[in-house]
PDB file of N, CA and C in Angstrom:
ATOM      1  N   UNK A   1      17.367   7.452  14.829  1.00  0.00           N
ATOM      2  CA  UNK A   1      16.476   6.346  15.072  1.00  0.00           C
ATOM      3  C   UNK A   1      16.814   5.228  14.103  1.00  0.00           C
ATOM      4  N   UNK A   2      16.782   4.035  14.578  1.00  0.00           N
ATOM      5  CA  UNK A   2      17.062   2.871  13.745  1.00  0.00           C
ATOM      6  C   UNK A   2      15.980   2.720  12.685  1.00  0.00           C
ATOM      7  N   UNK A   3      16.335   2.143  11.573  1.00  0.00           N
ATOM      8  CA  UNK A   3      15.388   1.927  10.489  1.00  0.00           C
ATOM      9  C   UNK A   3      14.305   0.953  10.930  1.00  0.00           C
ATOM     10  N   UNK A   4      13.078   1.314  10.702  1.00  0.00           N
ATOM     11  CA  UNK A   4      11.935   0.472  11.026  1.00  0.00           C
ATOM     12  C   UNK A   4      11.819  -0.624   9.994  1.00  0.00           C
ATOM     13  N   UNK A   5      11.438  -1.802  10.431  1.00  0.00           N
ATOM     14  CA  UNK A   5      11.284  -2.896   9.498  1.00  0.00           C
ATOM     15  C   UNK A   5       9.963  -2.816   8.764  1.00  0.00           C
ATOM     16  N   UNK A   6      10.003  -2.800   7.448  1.00  0.00           N
ATOM     17  CA  UNK A   6       8.793  -2.882   6.651  1.00  0.00           C
ATOM     18  C   UNK A   6       9.134  -3.431   5.287  1.00  0.00           C
ATOM     19  N   UNK A   7       8.137  -4.028   4.670  1.00  0.00           N
ATOM     20  CA  UNK A   7       8.299  -4.484   3.297  1.00  0.00           C
ATOM     21  C   UNK A   7       7.180  -3.866   2.488  1.00  0.00           C
ATOM     22  N   UNK A   8       7.498  -3.414   1.297  1.00  0.00           N
ATOM     23  CA  UNK A   8       6.525  -2.729   0.469  1.00  0.00           C
ATOM     24  C   UNK A   8       6.763  -3.120  -0.979  1.00  0.00           C
ATOM     25  N   UNK A   9       6.067  -4.126  -1.418  1.00  0.00           N
ATOM     26  CA  UNK A   9       6.227  -4.562  -2.792  1.00  0.00           C
ATOM     27  C   UNK A   9       4.893  -4.891  -3.406  1.00  0.00           C
ATOM     28  N   UNK A  10       4.831  -4.842  -4.722  1.00  0.00           N
ATOM     29  CA  UNK A  10       3.584  -5.088  -5.422  1.00  0.00           C
ATOM     30  C   UNK A  10       3.091  -6.522  -5.221  1.00  0.00           C
ATOM     31  N   UNK A  11       3.989  -7.460  -5.009  1.00  0.00           N
ATOM     32  CA  UNK A  11       3.593  -8.847  -4.939  1.00  0.00           C
ATOM     33  C   UNK A  11       3.496  -9.364  -3.512  1.00  0.00           C
ATOM     34  N   UNK A  12       3.655  -8.499  -2.536  1.00  0.00           N
ATOM     35  CA  UNK A  12       3.555  -8.947  -1.158  1.00  0.00           C
ATOM     36  C   UNK A  12       2.692  -7.980  -0.365  1.00  0.00           C
ATOM     37  N   UNK A  13       2.256  -8.434   0.785  1.00  0.00           N
ATOM     38  CA  UNK A  13       1.482  -7.587   1.679  1.00  0.00           C
ATOM     39  C   UNK A  13       2.459  -6.722   2.463  1.00  0.00           C
ATOM     40  N   UNK A  14       2.175  -5.451   2.538  1.00  0.00           N
ATOM     41  CA  UNK A  14       3.026  -4.535   3.275  1.00  0.00           C
ATOM     42  C   UNK A  14       2.951  -4.884   4.758  1.00  0.00           C
ATOM     43  N   UNK A  15       4.106  -4.998   5.398  1.00  0.00           N
ATOM     44  CA  UNK A  15       4.190  -5.296   6.814  1.00  0.00           C
ATOM     45  C   UNK A  15       5.028  -4.234   7.493  1.00  0.00           C
ATOM     46  N   UNK A  16       4.506  -3.677   8.583  1.00  0.00           N
ATOM     47  CA  UNK A  16       5.222  -2.687   9.377  1.00  0.00           C
ATOM     48  C   UNK A  16       5.555  -3.322  10.720  1.00  0.00           C
ATOM     49  N   UNK A  17       6.838  -3.378  11.047  1.00  0.00           N
ATOM     50  CA  UNK A  17       7.285  -3.966  12.307  1.00  0.00           C
ATOM     51  C   UNK A  17       7.879  -2.875  13.186  1.00  0.00           C
ATOM     52  N   UNK A  18       7.235  -2.643  14.328  1.00  0.00           N
ATOM     53  CA  UNK A  18       7.708  -1.647  15.285  1.00  0.00           C
ATOM     54  C   UNK A  18       8.301  -2.391  16.476  1.00  0.00           C
ATOM     55  N   UNK A  19       9.617  -2.260  16.642  1.00  0.00           N
ATOM     56  CA  UNK A  19      10.357  -3.085  17.594  1.00  0.00           C
ATOM     57  C   UNK A  19      10.400  -2.553  19.021  1.00  0.00           C
ATOM     58  N   UNK A  20      10.093  -1.245  19.192  1.00  0.00           N
ATOM     59  CA  UNK A  20      10.220  -0.687  20.544  1.00  0.00           C
ATOM     60  C   UNK A  20       9.368   0.569  20.688  1.00  0.00           C
ATOM     61  N   UNK A  21       9.378   1.135  21.873  1.00  0.00           N
ATOM     62  CA  UNK A  21       8.566   2.310  22.186  1.00  0.00           C
ATOM     63  C   UNK A  21       8.943   3.510  21.317  1.00  0.00           C
ATOM     64  N   UNK A  22      10.213   3.692  21.040  1.00  0.00           N
ATOM     65  CA  UNK A  22      10.672   4.815  20.226  1.00  0.00           C
ATOM     66  C   UNK A  22      10.064   4.750  18.824  1.00  0.00           C
ATOM     67  N   UNK A  23      10.089   3.577  18.208  1.00  0.00           N
ATOM     68  CA  UNK A  23       9.504   3.413  16.875  1.00  0.00           C
ATOM     69  C   UNK A  23       7.990   3.577  16.915  1.00  0.00           C
ATOM     70  N   UNK A  24       7.346   3.037  17.950  1.00  0.00           N
ATOM     71  CA  UNK A  24       5.899   3.170  18.089  1.00  0.00           C
ATOM     72  C   UNK A  24       5.516   4.641  18.207  1.00  0.00           C
ATOM     73  N   UNK A  25       6.235   5.389  19.028  1.00  0.00           N
ATOM     74  CA  UNK A  25       5.979   6.814  19.209  1.00  0.00           C
ATOM     75  C   UNK A  25       6.130   7.568  17.880  1.00  0.00           C
ATOM     76  N   UNK A  26       7.155   7.234  17.116  1.00  0.00           N
ATOM     77  CA  UNK A  26       7.416   7.917  15.849  1.00  0.00           C
ATOM     78  C   UNK A  26       6.313   7.672  14.815  1.00  0.00           C
ATOM     79  N   UNK A  27       5.677   6.507  14.861  1.00  0.00           N
ATOM     80  CA  UNK A  27       4.668   6.142  13.867  1.00  0.00           C
ATOM     81  C   UNK A  27       3.234   6.447  14.302  1.00  0.00           C
ATOM     82  N   UNK A  28       2.980   6.484  15.607  1.00  0.00           N
ATOM     83  CA  UNK A  28       1.604   6.651  16.078  1.00  0.00           C
ATOM     84  C   UNK A  28       1.138   8.093  15.887  1.00  0.00           C
ATOM     85  N   UNK A  29      -0.078   8.256  15.412  1.00  0.00           N
ATOM     86  CA  UNK A  29      -0.652   9.573  15.129  1.00  0.00           C
ATOM     87  C   UNK A  29      -1.801   9.830  16.117  1.00  0.00           C
ATOM     88  N   UNK A  30      -1.448  10.269  17.309  1.00  0.00           N
ATOM     89  CA  UNK A  30      -2.442  10.472  18.373  1.00  0.00           C
ATOM     90  C   UNK A  30      -3.405  11.606  18.064  1.00  0.00           C
ATOM     91  N   UNK A  31      -3.016  12.523  17.184  1.00  0.00           N
ATOM     92  CA  UNK A  31      -3.857  13.677  16.866  1.00  0.00           C
ATOM     93  C   UNK A  31      -5.004  13.335  15.918  1.00  0.00           C
ATOM     94  N   UNK A  32      -5.036  12.113  15.392  1.00  0.00           N
ATOM     95  CA  UNK A  32      -6.117  11.669  14.513  1.00  0.00           C
ATOM     96  C   UNK A  32      -7.200  11.024  15.371  1.00  0.00           C
ATOM     97  N   UNK A  33      -8.451  11.441  15.155  1.00  0.00           N
ATOM     98  CA  UNK A  33      -9.553  10.870  15.921  1.00  0.00           C
ATOM     99  C   UNK A  33      -9.582   9.356  15.739  1.00  0.00           C
ATOM    100  N   UNK A  34      -9.563   8.634  16.836  1.00  0.00           N
ATOM    101  CA  UNK A  34      -9.555   7.180  16.798  1.00  0.00           C
ATOM    102  C   UNK A  34      -8.159   6.587  16.670  1.00  0.00           C
ATOM    103  N   UNK A  35      -7.151   7.450  16.452  1.00  0.00           N
ATOM    104  CA  UNK A  35      -5.771   6.988  16.311  1.00  0.00           C
ATOM    105  C   UNK A  35      -5.446   6.590  14.883  1.00  0.00           C
ATOM    106  N   UNK A  36      -4.163   6.612  14.567  1.00  0.00           N
ATOM    107  CA  UNK A  36      -3.692   6.223  13.232  1.00  0.00           C
ATOM    108  C   UNK A  36      -2.221   5.839  13.333  1.00  0.00           C
ATOM    109  N   UNK A  37      -1.755   5.142  12.338  1.00  0.00           N
ATOM    110  CA  UNK A  37      -0.354   4.734  12.247  1.00  0.00           C
ATOM    111  C   UNK A  37       0.198   5.225  10.911  1.00  0.00           C
ATOM    112  N   UNK A  38       1.409   5.793  10.960  1.00  0.00           N
ATOM    113  CA  UNK A  38       2.107   6.183   9.743  1.00  0.00           C
ATOM    114  C   UNK A  38       2.828   4.963   9.194  1.00  0.00           C
ATOM    115  N   UNK A  39       2.604   4.686   7.920  1.00  0.00           N
ATOM    116  CA  UNK A  39       3.198   3.525   7.259  1.00  0.00           C
ATOM    117  C   UNK A  39       4.085   4.008   6.116  1.00  0.00           C
ATOM    118  N   UNK A  40       5.403   3.817   6.222  1.00  0.00           N
ATOM    119  CA  UNK A  40       6.283   4.182   5.107  1.00  0.00           C
ATOM    120  C   UNK A  40       5.928   3.351   3.875  1.00  0.00           C
ATOM    121  N   UNK A  41       5.715   4.017   2.761  1.00  0.00           N
ATOM    122  CA  UNK A  41       5.421   3.324   1.507  1.00  0.00           C
ATOM    123  C   UNK A  41       5.685   4.268   0.343  1.00  0.00           C
ATOM    124  N   UNK A  42       6.089   3.717  -0.756  1.00  0.00           N
ATOM    125  CA  UNK A  42       6.297   4.496  -1.975  1.00  0.00           C
ATOM    126  C   UNK A  42       5.084   4.383  -2.902  1.00  0.00           C
ATOM    127  N   UNK A  43       4.109   3.567  -2.505  1.00  0.00           N
ATOM    128  CA  UNK A  43       2.894   3.383  -3.288  1.00  0.00           C
ATOM    129  C   UNK A  43       2.043   4.644  -3.216  1.00  0.00           C
ATOM    130  N   UNK A  44       1.635   5.157  -4.350  1.00  0.00           N
ATOM    131  CA  UNK A  44       0.829   6.380  -4.408  1.00  0.00           C
ATOM    132  C   UNK A  44      -0.588   6.107  -3.916  1.00  0.00           C
ATOM    133  N   UNK A  45      -1.070   6.957  -3.033  1.00  0.00           N
ATOM    134  CA  UNK A  45      -2.424   6.855  -2.473  1.00  0.00           C
ATOM    135  C   UNK A  45      -3.060   8.226  -2.429  1.00  0.00           C
ATOM    136  N   UNK A  46      -4.391   8.244  -2.286  1.00  0.00           N
ATOM    137  CA  UNK A  46      -5.153   9.476  -2.141  1.00  0.00           C
ATOM    138  C   UNK A  46      -5.825   9.475  -0.773  1.00  0.00           C
ATOM    139  N   UNK A  47      -6.109  10.663  -0.255  1.00  0.00           N
ATOM    140  CA  UNK A  47      -6.850  10.756   0.999  1.00  0.00           C
ATOM    141  C   UNK A  47      -8.179  10.027   0.844  1.00  0.00           C
ATOM    142  N   UNK A  48      -8.542   9.251   1.848  1.00  0.00           N
ATOM    143  CA  UNK A  48      -9.791   8.494   1.826  1.00  0.00           C
ATOM    144  C   UNK A  48      -9.668   7.103   1.258  1.00  0.00           C
ATOM    145  N   UNK A  49      -8.570   6.809   0.541  1.00  0.00           N
ATOM    146  CA  UNK A  49      -8.368   5.454   0.013  1.00  0.00           C
ATOM    147  C   UNK A  49      -8.331   4.449   1.147  1.00  0.00           C
ATOM    148  N   UNK A  50      -8.813   3.246   0.887  1.00  0.00           N
ATOM    149  CA  UNK A  50      -8.657   2.160   1.848  1.00  0.00           C
ATOM    150  C   UNK A  50      -7.239   1.616   1.706  1.00  0.00           C
ATOM    151  N   UNK A  51      -6.602   1.346   2.827  1.00  0.00           N
ATOM    152  CA  UNK A  51      -5.216   0.877   2.819  1.00  0.00           C
ATOM    153  C   UNK A  51      -5.113  -0.322   3.756  1.00  0.00           C
ATOM    154  N   UNK A  52      -4.515  -1.393   3.278  1.00  0.00           N
ATOM    155  CA  UNK A  52      -4.349  -2.608   4.076  1.00  0.00           C
ATOM    156  C   UNK A  52      -2.869  -2.861   4.320  1.00  0.00           C
ATOM    157  N   UNK A  53      -2.540  -3.203   5.563  1.00  0.00           N
ATOM    158  CA  UNK A  53      -1.181  -3.608   5.910  1.00  0.00           C
ATOM    159  C   UNK A  53      -1.240  -4.490   7.145  1.00  0.00           C
ATOM    160  N   UNK A  54      -0.131  -5.097   7.461  1.00  0.00           N
ATOM    161  CA  UNK A  54      -0.026  -5.932   8.657  1.00  0.00           C
ATOM    162  C   UNK A  54       0.910  -5.219   9.628  1.00  0.00           C
ATOM    163  N   UNK A  55       0.431  -5.039  10.847  1.00  0.00           N
ATOM    164  CA  UNK A  55       1.208  -4.368  11.888  1.00  0.00           C
ATOM    165  C   UNK A  55       1.733  -5.397  12.873  1.00  0.00           C
ATOM    166  N   UNK A  56       3.034  -5.364  13.068  1.00  0.00           N
ATOM    167  CA  UNK A  56       3.685  -6.232  14.037  1.00  0.00           C
ATOM    168  C   UNK A  56       4.370  -5.320  15.051  1.00  0.00           C
ATOM    169  N   UNK A  57       4.042  -5.484  16.332  1.00  0.00           N
ATOM    170  CA  UNK A  57       4.656  -4.645  17.363  1.00  0.00           C
ATOM    171  C   UNK A  57       5.201  -5.494  18.492  1.00  0.00           C
ATOM    172  N   UNK A  58       6.058  -4.876  19.268  1.00  0.00           N
ATOM    173  CA  UNK A  58       6.599  -5.520  20.464  1.00  0.00           C
ATOM    174  C   UNK A  58       5.517  -5.719  21.522  1.00  0.00           C
ATOM    175  N   UNK A  59       4.355  -5.093  21.338  1.00  0.00           N
ATOM    176  CA  UNK A  59       3.272  -5.178  22.314  1.00  0.00           C
ATOM    177  C   UNK A  59       2.469  -6.470  22.212  1.00  0.00           C
ATOM    178  N   UNK A  60       2.482  -7.085  21.029  1.00  0.00           N
ATOM    179  CA  UNK A  60       1.670  -8.281  20.815  1.00  0.00           C
ATOM    180  C   UNK A  60       2.489  -9.367  20.128  1.00  0.00           C
ATOM    181  N   UNK A  61       2.142 -10.596  20.431  1.00  0.00           N
ATOM    182  CA  UNK A  61       2.847 -11.737  19.847  1.00  0.00           C
ATOM    183  C   UNK A  61       2.500 -11.890  18.371  1.00  0.00           C
ATOM    184  N   UNK A  62       1.213 -11.808  18.056  1.00  0.00           N
ATOM    185  CA  UNK A  62       0.762 -12.032  16.679  1.00  0.00           C
ATOM    186  C   UNK A  62       0.629 -10.722  15.901  1.00  0.00           C
ATOM    187  N   UNK A  63       1.001 -10.734  14.631  1.00  0.00           N
ATOM    188  CA  UNK A  63       0.789  -9.558  13.776  1.00  0.00           C
ATOM    189  C   UNK A  63      -0.711  -9.262  13.643  1.00  0.00           C
ATOM    190  N   UNK A  64      -1.035  -7.988  13.397  1.00  0.00           N
ATOM    191  CA  UNK A  64      -2.423  -7.547  13.334  1.00  0.00           C
ATOM    192  C   UNK A  64      -2.717  -7.014  11.929  1.00  0.00           C
ATOM    193  N   UNK A  65      -3.674  -7.618  11.218  1.00  0.00           N
ATOM    194  CA  UNK A  65      -4.058  -7.049   9.926  1.00  0.00           C
ATOM    195  C   UNK A  65      -4.855  -5.768  10.171  1.00  0.00           C
ATOM    196  N   UNK A  66      -4.486  -4.694   9.474  1.00  0.00           N
ATOM    197  CA  UNK A  66      -5.142  -3.394   9.641  1.00  0.00           C
ATOM    198  C   UNK A  66      -5.655  -2.933   8.284  1.00  0.00           C
ATOM    199  N   UNK A  67      -6.887  -2.491   8.251  1.00  0.00           N
ATOM    200  CA  UNK A  67      -7.469  -1.889   7.064  1.00  0.00           C
ATOM    201  C   UNK A  67      -8.153  -0.612   7.509  1.00  0.00           C
ATOM    202  N   UNK A  68      -7.776   0.500   6.900  1.00  0.00           N
ATOM    203  CA  UNK A  68      -8.371   1.767   7.285  1.00  0.00           C
ATOM    204  C   UNK A  68      -8.191   2.808   6.194  1.00  0.00           C
ATOM    205  N   UNK A  69      -8.756   3.987   6.450  1.00  0.00           N
ATOM    206  CA  UNK A  69      -8.698   5.075   5.479  1.00  0.00           C
ATOM    207  C   UNK A  69      -7.386   5.838   5.579  1.00  0.00           C
ATOM    208  N   UNK A  70      -6.863   6.242   4.436  1.00  0.00           N
ATOM    209  CA  UNK A  70      -5.683   7.097   4.395  1.00  0.00           C
ATOM    210  C   UNK A  70      -6.114   8.504   4.824  1.00  0.00           C
ATOM    211  N   UNK A  71      -5.481   9.017   5.885  1.00  0.00           N
ATOM    212  CA  UNK A  71      -5.818  10.345   6.406  1.00  0.00           C
ATOM    213  C   UNK A  71      -4.624  11.295   6.376  1.00  0.00           C
ATOM    214  N   UNK A  72      -3.476  10.801   5.928  1.00  0.00           N
ATOM    215  CA  UNK A  72      -2.257  11.622   5.893  1.00  0.00           C
ATOM    216  C   UNK A  72      -1.388  11.103   4.775  1.00  0.00           C
ATOM    217  N   UNK A  73      -0.785  12.013   4.014  1.00  0.00           N
ATOM    218  CA  UNK A  73       0.118  11.606   2.940  1.00  0.00           C
ATOM    219  C   UNK A  73       1.375  12.466   3.010  1.00  0.00           C
ATOM    220  N   UNK A  74       2.526  11.809   3.022  1.00  0.00           N
ATOM    221  CA  UNK A  74       3.804  12.499   2.844  1.00  0.00           C
ATOM    222  C   UNK A  74       4.379  11.962   1.542  1.00  0.00           C
ATOM    223  N   UNK A  75       4.428  12.821   0.550  1.00  0.00           N
ATOM    224  CA  UNK A  75       4.877  12.403  -0.772  1.00  0.00           C
ATOM    225  C   UNK A  75       6.373  12.619  -0.936  1.00  0.00           C
ATOM    226  N   UNK A  76       6.948  11.879  -1.862  1.00  0.00           N
ATOM    227  CA  UNK A  76       8.356  12.049  -2.190  1.00  0.00           C
ATOM    228  C   UNK A  76       8.576  13.489  -2.654  1.00  0.00           C
ATOM    229  N   UNK A  77       9.628  14.090  -2.168  1.00  0.00           N
ATOM    230  CA  UNK A  77       9.936  15.451  -2.565  1.00  0.00           C
ATOM    231  C   UNK A  77       9.168  16.507  -1.799  1.00  0.00           C
ATOM    232  N   UNK A  78       8.458  16.095  -0.739  1.00  0.00           N
ATOM    233  CA  UNK A  78       7.744  17.096   0.054  1.00  0.00           C
ATOM    234  C   UNK A  78       8.767  18.032   0.684  1.00  0.00           C
ATOM    235  N   UNK A  79       8.310  19.177   1.103  1.00  0.00           N
ATOM    236  CA  UNK A  79       9.232  20.183   1.633  1.00  0.00           C
ATOM    237  C   UNK A  79       9.876  19.763   2.953  1.00  0.00           C
ATOM    238  N   UNK A  80       9.291  18.780   3.596  1.00  0.00           N
ATOM    239  CA  UNK A  80       9.879  18.306   4.852  1.00  0.00           C
ATOM    240  C   UNK A  80      10.896  17.205   4.568  1.00  0.00           C
ATOM    241  N   UNK A  81      11.627  16.847   5.577  1.00  0.00           N
ATOM    242  CA  UNK A  81      12.598  15.758   5.435  1.00  0.00           C
ATOM    243  C   UNK A  81      12.009  14.447   5.951  1.00  0.00           C
ATOM    244  N   UNK A  82      10.687  14.395   6.046  1.00  0.00           N
ATOM    245  CA  UNK A  82      10.002  13.213   6.558  1.00  0.00           C
ATOM    246  C   UNK A  82      10.006  12.088   5.524  1.00  0.00           C
ATOM    247  N   UNK A  83       9.805  10.859   6.020  1.00  0.00           N
ATOM    248  CA  UNK A  83       9.719   9.696   5.138  1.00  0.00           C
ATOM    249  C   UNK A  83       8.455   9.752   4.296  1.00  0.00           C
ATOM    250  N   UNK A  84       8.555   9.192   3.114  1.00  0.00           N
ATOM    251  CA  UNK A  84       7.399   9.049   2.235  1.00  0.00           C
ATOM    252  C   UNK A  84       6.485   7.975   2.810  1.00  0.00           C
ATOM    253  N   UNK A  85       5.169   8.237   2.812  1.00  0.00           N
ATOM    254  CA  UNK A  85       4.244   7.246   3.319  1.00  0.00           C
ATOM    255  C   UNK A  85       2.862   7.808   3.560  1.00  0.00           C
ATOM    256  N   UNK A  86       2.035   6.999   4.244  1.00  0.00           N
ATOM    257  CA  UNK A  86       0.648   7.382   4.517  1.00  0.00           C
ATOM    258  C   UNK A  86       0.299   7.130   5.978  1.00  0.00           C
ATOM    259  N   UNK A  87      -0.631   7.921   6.479  1.00  0.00           N
ATOM    260  CA  UNK A  87      -1.205   7.683   7.794  1.00  0.00           C
ATOM    261  C   UNK A  87      -2.523   6.965   7.603  1.00  0.00           C
ATOM    262  N   UNK A  88      -2.699   5.852   8.304  1.00  0.00           N
ATOM    263  CA  UNK A  88      -3.900   5.033   8.165  1.00  0.00           C
ATOM    264  C   UNK A  88      -4.680   5.102   9.473  1.00  0.00           C
ATOM    265  N   UNK A  89      -5.924   5.594   9.373  1.00  0.00           N
ATOM    266  CA  UNK A  89      -6.770   5.768  10.555  1.00  0.00           C
ATOM    267  C   UNK A  89      -7.329   4.437  11.013  1.00  0.00           C
ATOM    268  N   UNK A  90      -7.290   4.223  12.328  1.00  0.00           N
ATOM    269  CA  UNK A  90      -7.889   3.024  12.901  1.00  0.00           C
ATOM    270  C   UNK A  90      -9.412   3.096  12.775  1.00  0.00           C
ATOM    271  N   UNK A  91     -10.025   1.946  12.662  1.00  0.00           N
ATOM    272  CA  UNK A  91     -11.485   1.840  12.697  1.00  0.00           C
ATOM    273  C   UNK A  91     -11.886   1.447  14.112  1.00  0.00           C
ATOM    274  N   UNK A  92     -13.165   1.358  14.357  1.00  0.00           N
ATOM    275  CA  UNK A  92     -13.661   0.922  15.663  1.00  0.00           C
ATOM    276  C   UNK A  92     -13.147  -0.463  16.042  1.00  0.00           C
ATOM    277  N   UNK A  93     -12.844  -1.281  15.039  1.00  0.00           N
ATOM    278  CA  UNK A  93     -12.322  -2.627  15.304  1.00  0.00           C
ATOM    279  C   UNK A  93     -10.942  -2.592  15.951  1.00  0.00           C
ATOM    280  N   UNK A  94     -10.228  -1.477  15.792  1.00  0.00           N
ATOM    281  CA  UNK A  94      -8.888  -1.356  16.376  1.00  0.00           C
ATOM    282  C   UNK A  94      -8.898  -0.524  17.666  1.00  0.00           C
ATOM    283  N   UNK A  95     -10.059  -0.332  18.284  1.00  0.00           N
ATOM    284  CA  UNK A  95     -10.151   0.481  19.506  1.00  0.00           C
ATOM    285  C   UNK A  95      -9.268  -0.084  20.623  1.00  0.00           C
ATOM    286  N   UNK A  96      -9.237  -1.392  20.766  1.00  0.00           N
ATOM    287  CA  UNK A  96      -8.409  -2.014  21.814  1.00  0.00           C
ATOM    288  C   UNK A  96      -6.920  -1.785  21.516  1.00  0.00           C
ATOM    289  N   UNK A  97      -6.543  -1.849  20.242  1.00  0.00           N
ATOM    290  CA  UNK A  97      -5.159  -1.599  19.848  1.00  0.00           C
ATOM    291  C   UNK A  97      -4.786  -0.151  20.151  1.00  0.00           C
ATOM    292  N   UNK A  98      -5.675   0.780  19.841  1.00  0.00           N
ATOM    293  CA  UNK A  98      -5.442   2.202  20.129  1.00  0.00           C
ATOM    294  C   UNK A  98      -5.184   2.400  21.622  1.00  0.00           C
ATOM    295  N   UNK A  99      -6.024   1.789  22.459  1.00  0.00           N
ATOM    296  CA  UNK A  99      -5.851   1.912  23.910  1.00  0.00           C
ATOM    297  C   UNK A  99      -4.523   1.310  24.355  1.00  0.00           C
ATOM    298  N   UNK A 100      -4.167   0.163  23.799  1.00  0.00           N
ATOM    299  CA  UNK A 100      -2.913  -0.493  24.155  1.00  0.00           C
ATOM    300  C   UNK A 100      -1.712   0.385  23.781  1.00  0.00           C
ATOM    301  N   UNK A 101      -1.753   0.990  22.605  1.00  0.00           N
ATOM    302  CA  UNK A 101      -0.666   1.869  22.161  1.00  0.00           C
ATOM    303  C   UNK A 101      -0.570   3.086  23.076  1.00  0.00           C
ATOM    304  N   UNK A 102      -1.701   3.712  23.352  1.00  0.00           N
ATOM    305  CA  UNK A 102      -1.679   4.912  24.183  1.00  0.00           C
ATOM    306  C   UNK A 102      -1.223   4.617  25.607  1.00  0.00           C
ATOM    307  N   UNK A 103      -1.570   3.449  26.131  1.00  0.00           N
ATOM    308  CA  UNK A 103      -1.076   3.055  27.458  1.00  0.00           C
ATOM    309  C   UNK A 103       0.437   2.838  27.414  1.00  0.00           C
ATOM    310  N   UNK A 104       0.922   2.227  26.346  1.00  0.00           N
ATOM    311  CA  UNK A 104       2.367   1.984  26.219  1.00  0.00           C
ATOM    312  C   UNK A 104       3.141   3.287  26.104  1.00  0.00           C
ATOM    313  N   UNK A 105       2.513   4.302  25.517  1.00  0.00           N
ATOM    314  CA  UNK A 105       3.198   5.583  25.305  1.00  0.00           C
ATOM    315  C   UNK A 105       2.938   6.584  26.429  1.00  0.00           C
ATOM    316  N   UNK A 106       2.145   6.214  27.423  1.00  0.00           N
ATOM    317  CA  UNK A 106       1.900   7.108  28.558  1.00  0.00           C
ATOM    318  C   UNK A 106       3.234   7.438  29.210  1.00  0.00           C
ATOM    319  N   UNK A 107       3.449   8.726  29.416  1.00  0.00           N
ATOM    320  CA  UNK A 107       4.695   9.164  30.035  1.00  0.00           C
ATOM    321  C   UNK A 107       5.801   9.453  29.046  1.00  0.00           C
ATOM    322  N   UNK A 108       5.579   9.139  27.756  1.00  0.00           N
ATOM    323  CA  UNK A 108       6.571   9.446  26.741  1.00  0.00           C
ATOM    324  C   UNK A 108       6.570  10.952  26.513  1.00  0.00           C
ATOM    325  N   UNK A 109       7.717  11.540  26.481  1.00  0.00           N
ATOM    326  CA  UNK A 109       7.824  12.989  26.256  1.00  0.00           C
ATOM    327  C   UNK A 109       7.207  13.347  24.911  1.00  0.00           C
ATOM    328  N   UNK A 110       6.337  14.329  24.920  1.00  0.00           N
ATOM    329  CA  UNK A 110       5.606  14.702  23.704  1.00  0.00           C
ATOM    330  C   UNK A 110       6.333  15.709  22.831  1.00  0.00           C
ATOM    331  N   UNK A 111       7.564  16.015  23.104  1.00  0.00           N
ATOM    332  CA  UNK A 111       8.274  17.013  22.319  1.00  0.00           C
ATOM    333  C   UNK A 111       9.235  16.403  21.307  1.00  0.00           C
ATOM    334  N   UNK A 112       9.310  15.092  21.235  1.00  0.00           N
ATOM    335  CA  UNK A 112      10.175  14.450  20.244  1.00  0.00           C
ATOM    336  C   UNK A 112       9.505  14.496  18.880  1.00  0.00           C
ATOM    337  N   UNK A 113      10.258  14.739  17.822  1.00  0.00           N
ATOM    338  CA  UNK A 113       9.654  14.721  16.493  1.00  0.00           C
ATOM    339  C   UNK A 113       9.178  13.321  16.132  1.00  0.00           C
ATOM    340  N   UNK A 114       8.136  13.262  15.322  1.00  0.00           N
ATOM    341  CA  UNK A 114       7.619  11.995  14.835  1.00  0.00           C
ATOM    342  C   UNK A 114       7.787  11.954  13.314  1.00  0.00           C
ATOM    343  N   UNK A 115       7.282  10.933  12.694  1.00  0.00           N
ATOM    344  CA  UNK A 115       7.382  10.835  11.233  1.00  0.00           C
ATOM    345  C   UNK A 115       6.351  11.717  10.528  1.00  0.00           C
ATOM    346  N   UNK A 116       5.434  12.310  11.283  1.00  0.00           N
ATOM    347  CA  UNK A 116       4.417  13.169  10.671  1.00  0.00           C
ATOM    348  C   UNK A 116       4.519  14.623  11.135  1.00  0.00           C
ATOM    349  N   UNK A 117       4.780  14.856  12.400  1.00  0.00           N
ATOM    350  CA  UNK A 117       4.942  16.235  12.897  1.00  0.00           C
ATOM    351  C   UNK A 117       6.085  16.331  13.892  1.00  0.00           C
TER     352      UNK A 117
END
């Protein structure tokens, strides 16, 4: 899979850019109630922390500011070969985004590995 575009620095806002369905599928966490997105980051977080980032997808023209709770953590050196980062749960404010993502992924084979499972 091609490298996903993101920036993660102390002096800038983290931005996650998902360019196509394959990247969206790899980052979307459908098993989380209300939906969630995996965000690659080296910044240390704890479960329940509030996390802010900007999501840019091929589905929408304008980037979407997202703020939600951390519900998944993959730390550096974890036993898996997954990317380091956090899963951020959508709030009720992102319900329309969740529906849009799930509609875009309808028919996508569910046996491909993702960045979380």
